[in-house]
Amino acid sequence: MNPGDLRHRVTVQKLTTTINENGFEMKEWVDVQTVWAAVSNLHGREYFAAAAVQAENTVKFMIRHLEGVDSSMRILFQGKAYDITAVDHIKYEKRYMEMKAVEVRESG
């Protein structure tokens, strides 16, 4: 991979649970790290596989290896949130990782 392709800033977040002053549990997204990423839409066979399960808004993010990233996390990119659906540690070399993520639709 050409490091020059990592030209977009994305923030990886995880969902944490805290207890507020009234003793109630509060869930909130907390930033893990902001990193450079290559971002692309799905195309070809990947696009049609995603469309088959109504995941048309799936985006691929390629970042340098970041320890601890899993599918319970999400990515913020250009003001939108994307739930991570798959993480590929490319050849387990701990150099780059590819994540497929689906855009979060605000219900309302």
C-alpha atoms as a PDB file:
ATOM      1  CA  MET A   1       0.000   0.000   0.000  1.00  0.00           C
ATOM      2  CA  ASN A   2       1.148   3.492  -0.820  1.00  0.00           C
ATOM      3  CA  PRO A   3       1.261   5.561   2.407  1.00  0.00           C
ATOM      4  CA  GLY A   4       0.132   8.569   0.355  1.00  0.00           C
ATOM      5  CA  ASP A   5      -3.292   6.914   0.036  1.00  0.00           C
ATOM      6  CA  LEU A   6      -3.832   7.479   3.781  1.00  0.00           C
ATOM      7  CA  ARG A   7      -5.078  11.048   3.290  1.00  0.00           C
ATOM      8  CA  HIS A   8      -8.356  11.160   5.228  1.00  0.00           C
ATOM      9  CA  ARG A   9      -8.658  11.786   8.971  1.00  0.00           C
ATOM     10  CA  VAL A  10     -10.936   9.352  10.779  1.00  0.00           C
ATOM     11  CA  THR A  11     -11.629   8.828  14.469  1.00  0.00           C
ATOM     12  CA  VAL A  12     -12.064   5.362  15.958  1.00  0.00           C
ATOM     13  CA  GLN A  13     -14.502   5.313  18.880  1.00  0.00           C
ATOM     14  CA  LYS A  14     -15.651   2.741  21.427  1.00  0.00           C
ATOM     15  CA  LEU A  15     -18.858   2.609  23.448  1.00  0.00           C
ATOM     16  CA  THR A  16     -18.284   2.977  27.174  1.00  0.00           C
ATOM     17  CA  THR A  17     -20.621   2.794  30.137  1.00  0.00           C
ATOM     18  CA  THR A  18     -20.239   5.220  33.031  1.00  0.00           C
ATOM     19  CA  ILE A  19     -22.316   5.942  36.110  1.00  0.00           C
ATOM     20  CA  ASN A  20     -23.620   9.513  36.389  1.00  0.00           C
ATOM     21  CA  GLU A  21     -24.066  11.518  39.598  1.00  0.00           C
ATOM     22  CA  ASN A  22     -27.586  10.069  40.059  1.00  0.00           C
ATOM     23  CA  GLY A  23     -26.333   6.472  39.905  1.00  0.00           C
ATOM     24  CA  PHE A  24     -27.681   5.725  36.432  1.00  0.00           C
ATOM     25  CA  GLU A  25     -25.653   4.049  33.726  1.00  0.00           C
ATOM     26  CA  MET A  26     -24.835   6.285  30.770  1.00  0.00           C
ATOM     27  CA  LYS A  27     -23.520   4.971  27.485  1.00  0.00           C
ATOM     28  CA  GLU A  28     -21.390   7.258  25.372  1.00  0.00           C
ATOM     29  CA  TRP A  29     -18.949   7.020  22.485  1.00  0.00           C
ATOM     30  CA  VAL A  30     -15.377   7.845  23.483  1.00  0.00           C
ATOM     31  CA  ASP A  31     -12.563   8.597  21.032  1.00  0.00           C
ATOM     32  CA  VAL A  32      -9.872   5.911  20.943  1.00  0.00           C
ATOM     33  CA  GLN A  33      -7.612   7.562  18.388  1.00  0.00           C
ATOM     34  CA  THR A  34      -7.693   9.804  15.333  1.00  0.00           C
ATOM     35  CA  VAL A  35      -5.669   8.334  12.462  1.00  0.00           C
ATOM     36  CA  TRP A  36      -4.982   8.743   8.753  1.00  0.00           C
ATOM     37  CA  ALA A  37      -6.974   6.402   6.507  1.00  0.00           C
ATOM     38  CA  ALA A  38      -7.588   5.433   2.918  1.00  0.00           C
ATOM     39  CA  VAL A  39     -11.342   5.468   2.319  1.00  0.00           C
ATOM     40  CA  SER A  40     -13.195   3.822  -0.558  1.00  0.00           C
ATOM     41  CA  ASN A  41     -16.663   2.665  -1.493  1.00  0.00           C
ATOM     42  CA  LEU A  42     -17.340  -0.957  -2.235  1.00  0.00           C
ATOM     43  CA  HIS A  43     -17.381  -1.956  -5.881  1.00  0.00           C
ATOM     44  CA  GLY A  44     -17.855  -5.047  -7.960  1.00  0.00           C
ATOM     45  CA  ARG A  45     -18.437  -8.295  -6.120  1.00  0.00           C
ATOM     46  CA  GLU A  46     -18.151  -6.650  -2.673  1.00  0.00           C
ATOM     47  CA  TYR A  47     -20.850  -4.105  -3.528  1.00  0.00           C
ATOM     48  CA  PHE A  48     -23.330  -6.734  -4.708  1.00  0.00           C
ATOM     49  CA  ALA A  49     -22.669  -8.892  -1.636  1.00  0.00           C
ATOM     50  CA  ALA A  50     -23.389  -5.891   0.605  1.00  0.00           C
ATOM     51  CA  ALA A  51     -26.491  -4.960  -1.398  1.00  0.00           C
ATOM     52  CA  ALA A  52     -27.851  -8.467  -0.876  1.00  0.00           C
ATOM     53  CA  VAL A  53     -28.110  -7.758   2.859  1.00  0.00           C
ATOM     54  CA  GLN A  54     -29.236  -4.118   2.485  1.00  0.00           C
ATOM     55  CA  ALA A  55     -25.851  -2.720   3.547  1.00  0.00           C
ATOM     56  CA  GLU A  56     -25.436  -0.413   0.562  1.00  0.00           C
ATOM     57  CA  ASN A  57     -23.785   2.324   2.615  1.00  0.00           C
ATOM     58  CA  THR A  58     -20.754   0.162   3.388  1.00  0.00           C
ATOM     59  CA  VAL A  59     -17.365   1.853   3.202  1.00  0.00           C
ATOM     60  CA  LYS A  60     -13.842   0.410   3.430  1.00  0.00           C
ATOM     61  CA  PHE A  61     -11.322   2.113   5.695  1.00  0.00           C
ATOM     62  CA  MET A  62      -7.635   1.161   5.510  1.00  0.00           C
ATOM     63  CA  ILE A  63      -5.452   2.373   8.389  1.00  0.00           C
ATOM     64  CA  ARG A  64      -2.090   1.530   9.872  1.00  0.00           C
ATOM     65  CA  HIS A  65      -2.362  -1.250  12.443  1.00  0.00           C
ATOM     66  CA  LEU A  66      -4.098  -0.092  15.628  1.00  0.00           C
ATOM     67  CA  GLU A  67      -4.182  -2.541  18.513  1.00  0.00           C
ATOM     68  CA  GLY A  68      -7.566  -3.417  20.011  1.00  0.00           C
ATOM     69  CA  VAL A  69      -9.883  -2.369  17.169  1.00  0.00           C
ATOM     70  CA  ASP A  70     -12.875  -4.693  16.804  1.00  0.00           C
ATOM     71  CA  SER A  71     -16.415  -4.794  15.434  1.00  0.00           C
ATOM     72  CA  SER A  72     -17.936  -3.298  18.600  1.00  0.00           C
ATOM     73  CA  MET A  73     -16.418   0.063  17.661  1.00  0.00           C
ATOM     74  CA  ARG A  74     -17.322   2.755  15.155  1.00  0.00           C
ATOM     75  CA  ILE A  75     -15.580   5.258  12.900  1.00  0.00           C
ATOM     76  CA  LEU A  76     -16.315   8.962  12.497  1.00  0.00           C
ATOM     77  CA  PHE A  77     -15.605  10.267   8.989  1.00  0.00           C
ATOM     78  CA  GLN A  78     -16.708  13.592   7.498  1.00  0.00           C
ATOM     79  CA  GLY A  79     -19.363  14.140  10.173  1.00  0.00           C
ATOM     80  CA  LYS A  80     -20.930  10.687   9.780  1.00  0.00           C
ATOM     81  CA  ALA A  81     -20.688   7.635  12.019  1.00  0.00           C
ATOM     82  CA  TYR A  82     -19.971   4.166  10.616  1.00  0.00           C
ATOM     83  CA  ASP A  83     -20.400   0.948  12.631  1.00  0.00           C
ATOM     84  CA  ILE A  84     -17.497  -1.431  12.025  1.00  0.00           C
ATOM     85  CA  THR A  85     -18.800  -4.742  10.666  1.00  0.00           C
ATOM     86  CA  ALA A  86     -15.510  -6.498   9.816  1.00  0.00           C
ATOM     87  CA  VAL A  87     -11.831  -6.053  10.627  1.00  0.00           C
ATOM     88  CA  ASP A  88      -9.135  -7.622   8.439  1.00  0.00           C
ATOM     89  CA  HIS A  89      -5.620  -7.664   9.891  1.00  0.00           C
ATOM     90  CA  ILE A  90      -3.985  -7.986   6.510  1.00  0.00           C
ATOM     91  CA  LYS A  91      -1.832 -11.139   6.574  1.00  0.00           C
ATOM     92  CA  TYR A  92      -1.420 -10.615  10.363  1.00  0.00           C
ATOM     93  CA  GLU A  93       1.677  -8.510   9.631  1.00  0.00           C
ATOM     94  CA  LYS A  94       0.585  -5.713  12.019  1.00  0.00           C
ATOM     95  CA  ARG A  95       1.262  -3.092   9.347  1.00  0.00           C
ATOM     96  CA  TYR A  96      -2.190  -2.214   7.986  1.00  0.00           C
ATOM     97  CA  MET A  97      -5.753  -3.171   8.742  1.00  0.00           C
ATOM     98  CA  GLU A  98      -8.883  -2.913   6.615  1.00  0.00           C
ATOM     99  CA  MET A  99     -12.266  -2.292   8.171  1.00  0.00           C
ATOM    100  CA  LYS A 100     -15.656  -2.495   6.513  1.00  0.00           C
ATOM    101  CA  ALA A 101     -18.216  -0.248   8.125  1.00  0.00           C
ATOM    102  CA  VAL A 102     -21.875   0.615   7.557  1.00  0.00           C
ATOM    103  CA  GLU A 103     -23.156   4.167   7.860  1.00  0.00           C
ATOM    104  CA  VAL A 104     -25.279   4.707  10.962  1.00  0.00           C
ATOM    105  CA  ARG A 105     -28.719   6.022  10.058  1.00  0.00           C
ATOM    106  CA  GLU A 106     -30.251   8.378  12.562  1.00  0.00           C
ATOM    107  CA  SER A 107     -33.706   7.134  13.487  1.00  0.00           C
ATOM    108  CA  GLY A 108     -36.375   9.736  13.651  1.00  0.00           C
END
